[in-house]
Amino acid sequence: MSKVVRAAGGVLHREREDGAIEVLLIHRPRYDDWTLPKGKLEPGESVGEGALREVSEETGFLGEIERRIGETAYNDRHGRPKRVTYFAMRPVSGEFAPNDEVDEVRWVTLEEADELLSYAHDRHLVAQVARRPPL
């Protein structure tokens, strides 16, 4: 049995002046998809550290973790089991610059994200951002 590939990512979100929540989606030209920033953990890295690093590398934004919002599990393109842990994050600073993995990002409303995202599991994670935890 293959060892599980561990990865982490984030849903960067912000609130507009009108109160609407926006999330940041990435476009990966290699797959021509719209998804959430994520990537494999480096040796010794926690899921939180990996999520912050991957979000920063792919989007240019430094994030601040608010809470864990979910996990996805699937087989990667090499047939290995992969498990990705996601966090809700607020952007602290930064700006996007196109890179090897991501050629475009978009801040979109939750409704727009539902239409634009390529994968159902990403839609479920974005929906978790809208659910505010109890105080």
C-alpha atoms as a PDB file:
ATOM      1  CA  MET A   1       0.000   0.000   0.000  1.00  0.00           C
ATOM      2  CA  SER A   2       1.269   3.460  -0.876  1.00  0.00           C
ATOM      3  CA  LYS A   3       2.137   5.925   1.829  1.00  0.00           C
ATOM      4  CA  VAL A   4      -0.424   8.724   2.148  1.00  0.00           C
ATOM      5  CA  VAL A   5       0.728  11.982   0.558  1.00  0.00           C
ATOM      6  CA  ARG A   6       0.025  14.773   3.056  1.00  0.00           C
ATOM      7  CA  ALA A   7      -0.819  18.263   1.849  1.00  0.00           C
ATOM      8  CA  ALA A   8      -2.427  21.437   3.142  1.00  0.00           C
ATOM      9  CA  GLY A   9      -4.114  24.530   1.800  1.00  0.00           C
ATOM     10  CA  GLY A  10      -6.297  27.455   2.619  1.00  0.00           C
ATOM     11  CA  VAL A  11      -9.361  29.446   1.794  1.00  0.00           C
ATOM     12  CA  LEU A  12      -8.271  33.083   1.943  1.00  0.00           C
ATOM     13  CA  HIS A  13     -11.286  35.269   2.596  1.00  0.00           C
ATOM     14  CA  ARG A  14     -12.133  38.881   3.297  1.00  0.00           C
ATOM     15  CA  GLU A  15     -15.226  40.951   3.913  1.00  0.00           C
ATOM     16  CA  ARG A  16     -16.201  43.756   1.543  1.00  0.00           C
ATOM     17  CA  GLU A  17     -17.569  47.074   2.773  1.00  0.00           C
ATOM     18  CA  ASP A  18     -21.087  45.888   1.901  1.00  0.00           C
ATOM     19  CA  GLY A  19     -20.610  42.839   4.159  1.00  0.00           C
ATOM     20  CA  ALA A  20     -20.269  40.280   1.351  1.00  0.00           C
ATOM     21  CA  ILE A  21     -17.577  37.649   1.829  1.00  0.00           C
ATOM     22  CA  GLU A  22     -15.033  37.162  -0.946  1.00  0.00           C
ATOM     23  CA  VAL A  23     -12.667  34.217  -1.343  1.00  0.00           C
ATOM     24  CA  LEU A  24      -9.481  33.973  -3.388  1.00  0.00           C
ATOM     25  CA  LEU A  25      -9.417  31.340  -6.142  1.00  0.00           C
ATOM     26  CA  ILE A  26      -6.396  30.357  -8.203  1.00  0.00           C
ATOM     27  CA  HIS A  27      -6.175  29.338 -11.861  1.00  0.00           C
ATOM     28  CA  ARG A  28      -3.602  26.660 -12.708  1.00  0.00           C
ATOM     29  CA  PRO A  29      -2.753  26.692 -16.415  1.00  0.00           C
ATOM     30  CA  ARG A  30      -1.240  23.187 -16.228  1.00  0.00           C
ATOM     31  CA  TYR A  31      -4.695  21.769 -15.442  1.00  0.00           C
ATOM     32  CA  ASP A  32      -6.794  24.702 -16.735  1.00  0.00           C
ATOM     33  CA  ASP A  33      -8.788  24.646 -13.508  1.00  0.00           C
ATOM     34  CA  TRP A  34     -10.001  27.028 -10.819  1.00  0.00           C
ATOM     35  CA  THR A  35      -9.251  25.754  -7.343  1.00  0.00           C
ATOM     36  CA  LEU A  36      -7.918  26.608  -3.892  1.00  0.00           C
ATOM     37  CA  PRO A  37      -4.219  27.035  -3.081  1.00  0.00           C
ATOM     38  CA  LYS A  38      -2.683  23.874  -1.643  1.00  0.00           C
ATOM     39  CA  GLY A  39       0.397  21.704  -1.845  1.00  0.00           C
ATOM     40  CA  LYS A  40       2.424  18.886  -0.354  1.00  0.00           C
ATOM     41  CA  LEU A  41       3.969  19.243   3.075  1.00  0.00           C
ATOM     42  CA  GLU A  42       7.716  19.471   3.391  1.00  0.00           C
ATOM     43  CA  PRO A  43       9.485  17.048   5.763  1.00  0.00           C
ATOM     44  CA  GLY A  44       8.845  18.006   9.407  1.00  0.00           C
ATOM     45  CA  GLU A  45       6.288  20.665   8.495  1.00  0.00           C
ATOM     46  CA  SER A  46       2.949  20.822  10.321  1.00  0.00           C
ATOM     47  CA  VAL A  47      -0.270  21.087   8.317  1.00  0.00           C
ATOM     48  CA  GLY A  48      -0.696  24.686   9.513  1.00  0.00           C
ATOM     49  CA  GLU A  49       2.834  25.652   8.475  1.00  0.00           C
ATOM     50  CA  GLY A  50       2.391  23.930   5.122  1.00  0.00           C
ATOM     51  CA  ALA A  51      -0.937  25.623   4.477  1.00  0.00           C
ATOM     52  CA  LEU A  52       0.513  29.079   5.178  1.00  0.00           C
ATOM     53  CA  ARG A  53       3.568  28.395   2.987  1.00  0.00           C
ATOM     54  CA  GLU A  54       1.582  26.997   0.061  1.00  0.00           C
ATOM     55  CA  VAL A  55      -0.969  29.833   0.124  1.00  0.00           C
ATOM     56  CA  SER A  56       1.872  32.358   0.148  1.00  0.00           C
ATOM     57  CA  GLU A  57       3.821  30.621  -2.646  1.00  0.00           C
ATOM     58  CA  GLU A  58       0.806  30.284  -4.927  1.00  0.00           C
ATOM     59  CA  THR A  59      -0.995  33.580  -4.240  1.00  0.00           C
ATOM     60  CA  GLY A  60       1.632  36.025  -2.945  1.00  0.00           C
ATOM     61  CA  PHE A  61      -0.513  36.670   0.154  1.00  0.00           C
ATOM     62  CA  LEU A  62       0.617  36.033   3.699  1.00  0.00           C
ATOM     63  CA  GLY A  63      -2.302  34.565   5.572  1.00  0.00           C
ATOM     64  CA  GLU A  64      -3.340  34.181   9.172  1.00  0.00           C
ATOM     65  CA  ILE A  65      -5.073  30.930  10.108  1.00  0.00           C
ATOM     66  CA  GLU A  66      -8.489  31.288  11.726  1.00  0.00           C
ATOM     67  CA  ARG A  67      -9.580  27.672  11.966  1.00  0.00           C
ATOM     68  CA  ARG A  68      -9.419  24.256  10.349  1.00  0.00           C
ATOM     69  CA  ILE A  69     -12.375  23.847   7.981  1.00  0.00           C
ATOM     70  CA  GLY A  70     -12.008  20.405   6.492  1.00  0.00           C
ATOM     71  CA  GLU A  71     -10.082  17.723   4.745  1.00  0.00           C
ATOM     72  CA  THR A  72     -10.256  16.035   1.370  1.00  0.00           C
ATOM     73  CA  ALA A  73      -8.966  12.596   0.446  1.00  0.00           C
ATOM     74  CA  TYR A  74      -8.421  11.221  -3.044  1.00  0.00           C
ATOM     75  CA  ASN A  75      -5.825   9.462  -5.191  1.00  0.00           C
ATOM     76  CA  ASP A  76      -3.342  11.811  -6.850  1.00  0.00           C
ATOM     77  CA  ARG A  77      -2.437  11.620 -10.527  1.00  0.00           C
ATOM     78  CA  HIS A  78       0.121   8.884  -9.700  1.00  0.00           C
ATOM     79  CA  GLY A  79      -2.524   6.757  -7.976  1.00  0.00           C
ATOM     80  CA  ARG A  80      -1.230   7.465  -4.463  1.00  0.00           C
ATOM     81  CA  PRO A  81      -3.668   8.232  -1.635  1.00  0.00           C
ATOM     82  CA  LYS A  82      -3.562  11.951  -0.819  1.00  0.00           C
ATOM     83  CA  ARG A  83      -5.047  13.790   2.155  1.00  0.00           C
ATOM     84  CA  VAL A  84      -5.298  17.593   2.176  1.00  0.00           C
ATOM     85  CA  THR A  85      -6.154  19.622   5.285  1.00  0.00           C
ATOM     86  CA  TYR A  86      -7.654  23.085   4.724  1.00  0.00           C
ATOM     87  CA  PHE A  87      -7.846  26.190   6.896  1.00  0.00           C
ATOM     88  CA  ALA A  88      -9.891  29.372   6.732  1.00  0.00           C
ATOM     89  CA  MET A  89      -7.403  32.268   6.516  1.00  0.00           C
ATOM     90  CA  ARG A  90      -7.460  36.027   6.437  1.00  0.00           C
ATOM     91  CA  PRO A  91      -4.957  37.833   4.212  1.00  0.00           C
ATOM     92  CA  VAL A  92      -2.472  39.901   6.218  1.00  0.00           C
ATOM     93  CA  SER A  93      -0.329  41.350   3.437  1.00  0.00           C
ATOM     94  CA  GLY A  94       0.977  40.713  -0.046  1.00  0.00           C
ATOM     95  CA  GLU A  95      -0.116  40.802  -3.633  1.00  0.00           C
ATOM     96  CA  PHE A  96      -0.309  38.318  -6.469  1.00  0.00           C
ATOM     97  CA  ALA A  97       2.352  37.898  -9.128  1.00  0.00           C
ATOM     98  CA  PRO A  98       1.980  35.165 -11.760  1.00  0.00           C
ATOM     99  CA  ASN A  99       4.248  32.173 -11.106  1.00  0.00           C
ATOM    100  CA  ASP A 100       5.044  28.700 -12.465  1.00  0.00           C
ATOM    101  CA  GLU A 101       1.934  27.116 -10.933  1.00  0.00           C
ATOM    102  CA  VAL A 102      -0.637  29.928 -10.937  1.00  0.00           C
ATOM    103  CA  ASP A 103      -1.244  32.421 -13.739  1.00  0.00           C
ATOM    104  CA  GLU A 104      -4.302  34.212 -12.321  1.00  0.00           C
ATOM    105  CA  VAL A 105      -6.172  34.746  -9.066  1.00  0.00           C
ATOM    106  CA  ARG A 106      -9.638  36.163  -8.496  1.00  0.00           C
ATOM    107  CA  TRP A 107     -11.386  37.524  -5.427  1.00  0.00           C
ATOM    108  CA  VAL A 108     -14.964  36.338  -5.876  1.00  0.00           C
ATOM    109  CA  THR A 109     -18.147  36.203  -3.826  1.00  0.00           C
ATOM    110  CA  LEU A 110     -19.292  32.859  -2.423  1.00  0.00           C
ATOM    111  CA  GLU A 111     -21.891  32.616  -5.183  1.00  0.00           C
ATOM    112  CA  GLU A 112     -19.303  33.356  -7.891  1.00  0.00           C
ATOM    113  CA  ALA A 113     -16.953  30.779  -6.360  1.00  0.00           C
ATOM    114  CA  ASP A 114     -19.684  28.161  -6.561  1.00  0.00           C
ATOM    115  CA  GLU A 115     -19.928  28.794 -10.316  1.00  0.00           C
ATOM    116  CA  LEU A 116     -16.194  29.129 -11.053  1.00  0.00           C
ATOM    117  CA  LEU A 117     -14.631  26.327  -8.990  1.00  0.00           C
ATOM    118  CA  SER A 118     -13.742  23.191 -10.953  1.00  0.00           C
ATOM    119  CA  TYR A 119     -14.167  20.681  -8.101  1.00  0.00           C
ATOM    120  CA  ALA A 120     -17.105  19.872  -5.821  1.00  0.00           C
ATOM    121  CA  HIS A 121     -14.869  19.350  -2.781  1.00  0.00           C
ATOM    122  CA  ASP A 122     -13.597  22.934  -3.164  1.00  0.00           C
ATOM    123  CA  ARG A 123     -17.185  24.235  -3.177  1.00  0.00           C
ATOM    124  CA  HIS A 124     -17.813  22.441   0.109  1.00  0.00           C
ATOM    125  CA  LEU A 125     -14.701  24.022   1.683  1.00  0.00           C
ATOM    126  CA  VAL A 126     -15.651  27.523   0.517  1.00  0.00           C
ATOM    127  CA  ALA A 127     -19.109  27.033   2.038  1.00  0.00           C
ATOM    128  CA  GLN A 128     -17.429  26.372   5.398  1.00  0.00           C
ATOM    129  CA  VAL A 129     -15.980  29.901   5.373  1.00  0.00           C
ATOM    130  CA  ALA A 130     -19.510  31.335   5.295  1.00  0.00           C
ATOM    131  CA  ARG A 131     -20.427  29.337   8.410  1.00  0.00           C
ATOM    132  CA  ARG A 132     -19.185  31.471  11.265  1.00  0.00           C
ATOM    133  CA  PRO A 133     -18.166  29.482  14.330  1.00  0.00           C
ATOM    134  CA  PRO A 134     -20.125  30.236  17.515  1.00  0.00           C
ATOM    135  CA  LEU A 135     -18.569  32.828  19.820  1.00  0.00           C
END
